[in-house]
Amino acid sequence: MWAIGRYDLRLTEDDFQRVSVRRFAALYDRFLSQKQHSDFMVGLLCSVTANFSMGKVPGSEPLQPDDFVPWLPEPEVELTTGDEIKAFIDAQLKPKQVKR
């Protein structure tokens, strides 16, 4: 716990001594979220580069970030149909009535 606090969370010795277990856990959760986001961004960069490079096999499935960073958790995806997307965009572009 001390090593995580000092090295990963960059707490000073005094800060580490004063931080409560609950706050330490909150800081560590935030650290893990940031690390997961950074790992995802690296996987995204790799997948985009590979999908648009001259070495891509025609007709193959596009590579995903988790193909390069397999320890990422499965993304929580909300499945949406094309009609739902179109309806949302149409609603956003529709002129709004302003009350006077």
C-alpha atoms as a PDB file:
ATOM      1  CA  MET A   1       0.000   0.000   0.000  1.00  0.00           C
ATOM      2  CA  TRP A   2       2.832   2.370   0.813  1.00  0.00           C
ATOM      3  CA  ALA A   3       4.530   1.743  -2.550  1.00  0.00           C
ATOM      4  CA  ILE A   4       1.293   2.377  -4.467  1.00  0.00           C
ATOM      5  CA  GLY A   5       0.701   5.575  -2.524  1.00  0.00           C
ATOM      6  CA  ARG A   6       4.209   6.897  -2.970  1.00  0.00           C
ATOM      7  CA  TYR A   7       5.034   5.696  -6.483  1.00  0.00           C
ATOM      8  CA  ASP A   8       1.732   5.413  -8.361  1.00  0.00           C
ATOM      9  CA  LEU A   9      -0.308   8.095  -6.591  1.00  0.00           C
ATOM     10  CA  ARG A  10       2.705  10.376  -6.050  1.00  0.00           C
ATOM     11  CA  LEU A  11       1.779  11.095  -2.440  1.00  0.00           C
ATOM     12  CA  THR A  12       4.373  12.705  -0.216  1.00  0.00           C
ATOM     13  CA  GLU A  13       5.309  10.852   2.966  1.00  0.00           C
ATOM     14  CA  ASP A  14       3.217  13.316   4.992  1.00  0.00           C
ATOM     15  CA  ASP A  15       0.236  12.980   2.646  1.00  0.00           C
ATOM     16  CA  PHE A  16       0.442   9.203   2.814  1.00  0.00           C
ATOM     17  CA  GLN A  17       0.470   9.290   6.621  1.00  0.00           C
ATOM     18  CA  ARG A  18      -2.577  11.601   6.728  1.00  0.00           C
ATOM     19  CA  VAL A  19      -4.785  10.031   4.056  1.00  0.00           C
ATOM     20  CA  SER A  20      -7.648   7.826   5.255  1.00  0.00           C
ATOM     21  CA  VAL A  21      -8.193   4.349   3.853  1.00  0.00           C
ATOM     22  CA  ARG A  22     -11.408   5.515   2.155  1.00  0.00           C
ATOM     23  CA  ARG A  23      -9.651   8.425   0.445  1.00  0.00           C
ATOM     24  CA  PHE A  24      -6.734   6.223  -0.504  1.00  0.00           C
ATOM     25  CA  ALA A  25      -9.165   3.786  -2.138  1.00  0.00           C
ATOM     26  CA  ALA A  26     -10.853   6.648  -4.016  1.00  0.00           C
ATOM     27  CA  LEU A  27      -7.481   7.930  -5.258  1.00  0.00           C
ATOM     28  CA  TYR A  28      -6.457   4.447  -6.326  1.00  0.00           C
ATOM     29  CA  ASP A  29      -9.753   3.868  -8.171  1.00  0.00           C
ATOM     30  CA  ARG A  30      -9.216   7.131 -10.039  1.00  0.00           C
ATOM     31  CA  PHE A  31      -5.645   6.117 -10.840  1.00  0.00           C
ATOM     32  CA  LEU A  32      -6.851   2.805 -12.281  1.00  0.00           C
ATOM     33  CA  SER A  33      -9.507   4.563 -14.375  1.00  0.00           C
ATOM     34  CA  GLN A  34      -6.910   6.933 -15.813  1.00  0.00           C
ATOM     35  CA  LYS A  35      -4.557   4.039 -16.567  1.00  0.00           C
ATOM     36  CA  GLN A  36      -7.346   2.112 -18.286  1.00  0.00           C
ATOM     37  CA  HIS A  37      -8.176   5.184 -20.382  1.00  0.00           C
ATOM     38  CA  SER A  38      -4.510   5.614 -21.365  1.00  0.00           C
ATOM     39  CA  ASP A  39      -4.264   1.937 -22.329  1.00  0.00           C
ATOM     40  CA  PHE A  40      -7.450   2.240 -24.401  1.00  0.00           C
ATOM     41  CA  MET A  41      -6.066   5.290 -26.237  1.00  0.00           C
ATOM     42  CA  VAL A  42      -2.905   3.361 -27.138  1.00  0.00           C
ATOM     43  CA  GLY A  43      -5.025   0.434 -28.388  1.00  0.00           C
ATOM     44  CA  LEU A  44      -7.198   2.830 -30.379  1.00  0.00           C
ATOM     45  CA  LEU A  45      -4.171   4.430 -32.015  1.00  0.00           C
ATOM     46  CA  CYS A  46      -2.755   1.011 -32.898  1.00  0.00           C
ATOM     47  CA  SER A  47      -6.062  -0.267 -34.302  1.00  0.00           C
ATOM     48  CA  VAL A  48      -6.660   2.831 -36.434  1.00  0.00           C
ATOM     49  CA  THR A  49      -3.114   2.691 -37.761  1.00  0.00           C
ATOM     50  CA  ALA A  50      -3.401  -1.013 -38.578  1.00  0.00           C
ATOM     51  CA  ASN A  51      -6.855  -0.659 -40.148  1.00  0.00           C
ATOM     52  CA  PHE A  52      -5.720   2.079 -42.519  1.00  0.00           C
ATOM     53  CA  SER A  53      -2.253   0.783 -43.306  1.00  0.00           C
ATOM     54  CA  MET A  54      -1.243  -0.833 -46.546  1.00  0.00           C
ATOM     55  CA  GLY A  55      -0.817  -4.166 -44.769  1.00  0.00           C
ATOM     56  CA  LYS A  56      -4.525  -4.670 -44.026  1.00  0.00           C
ATOM     57  CA  VAL A  57      -6.054  -7.780 -45.543  1.00  0.00           C
ATOM     58  CA  PRO A  58      -8.968  -6.757 -47.788  1.00  0.00           C
ATOM     59  CA  GLY A  59     -12.332  -8.045 -46.558  1.00  0.00           C
ATOM     60  CA  SER A  60     -11.080  -8.820 -43.063  1.00  0.00           C
ATOM     61  CA  GLU A  61     -12.787  -7.560 -39.913  1.00  0.00           C
ATOM     62  CA  PRO A  62     -11.383  -4.258 -38.634  1.00  0.00           C
ATOM     63  CA  LEU A  63      -9.037  -4.546 -35.693  1.00  0.00           C
ATOM     64  CA  GLN A  64     -10.264  -3.233 -32.332  1.00  0.00           C
ATOM     65  CA  PRO A  65      -8.337  -1.590 -29.471  1.00  0.00           C
ATOM     66  CA  ASP A  66      -8.609  -4.767 -27.373  1.00  0.00           C
ATOM     67  CA  ASP A  67      -6.743  -6.660 -30.104  1.00  0.00           C
ATOM     68  CA  PHE A  68      -3.675  -4.666 -29.035  1.00  0.00           C
ATOM     69  CA  VAL A  69      -4.478  -4.185 -25.341  1.00  0.00           C
ATOM     70  CA  PRO A  70      -6.214  -7.455 -24.368  1.00  0.00           C
ATOM     71  CA  TRP A  71      -6.427  -6.711 -20.631  1.00  0.00           C
ATOM     72  CA  LEU A  72      -9.010  -3.961 -21.198  1.00  0.00           C
ATOM     73  CA  PRO A  73     -12.481  -4.774 -19.846  1.00  0.00           C
ATOM     74  CA  GLU A  74     -15.297  -5.288 -22.316  1.00  0.00           C
ATOM     75  CA  PRO A  75     -16.868  -1.937 -23.205  1.00  0.00           C
ATOM     76  CA  GLU A  76     -20.426  -1.296 -22.118  1.00  0.00           C
ATOM     77  CA  VAL A  77     -22.117  -0.751 -25.462  1.00  0.00           C
ATOM     78  CA  GLU A  78     -25.640   0.455 -25.979  1.00  0.00           C
ATOM     79  CA  LEU A  79     -26.864  -1.090 -29.198  1.00  0.00           C
ATOM     80  CA  THR A  80     -28.549   1.491 -31.379  1.00  0.00           C
ATOM     81  CA  THR A  81     -30.220   1.038 -34.737  1.00  0.00           C
ATOM     82  CA  GLY A  82     -29.690   3.309 -37.705  1.00  0.00           C
ATOM     83  CA  ASP A  83     -33.280   4.539 -37.398  1.00  0.00           C
ATOM     84  CA  GLU A  84     -32.704   5.574 -33.761  1.00  0.00           C
ATOM     85  CA  ILE A  85     -29.555   7.483 -34.722  1.00  0.00           C
ATOM     86  CA  LYS A  86     -31.378   9.221 -37.590  1.00  0.00           C
ATOM     87  CA  ALA A  87     -34.283  10.164 -35.312  1.00  0.00           C
ATOM     88  CA  PHE A  88     -31.861  11.609 -32.741  1.00  0.00           C
ATOM     89  CA  ILE A  89     -30.001  13.672 -35.342  1.00  0.00           C
ATOM     90  CA  ASP A  90     -33.269  14.893 -36.881  1.00  0.00           C
ATOM     91  CA  ALA A  91     -34.492  15.943 -33.431  1.00  0.00           C
ATOM     92  CA  GLN A  92     -31.278  17.883 -32.794  1.00  0.00           C
ATOM     93  CA  LEU A  93     -31.458  19.665 -36.148  1.00  0.00           C
ATOM     94  CA  LYS A  94     -35.149  20.534 -35.844  1.00  0.00           C
ATOM     95  CA  PRO A  95     -35.708  24.264 -35.213  1.00  0.00           C
ATOM     96  CA  LYS A  96     -36.594  24.949 -31.612  1.00  0.00           C
ATOM     97  CA  GLN A  97     -39.656  26.973 -30.596  1.00  0.00           C
ATOM     98  CA  VAL A  98     -38.649  29.928 -28.428  1.00  0.00           C
ATOM     99  CA  LYS A  99     -41.243  31.179 -25.944  1.00  0.00           C
ATOM    100  CA  ARG A 100     -41.555  34.939 -25.811  1.00  0.00           C
END
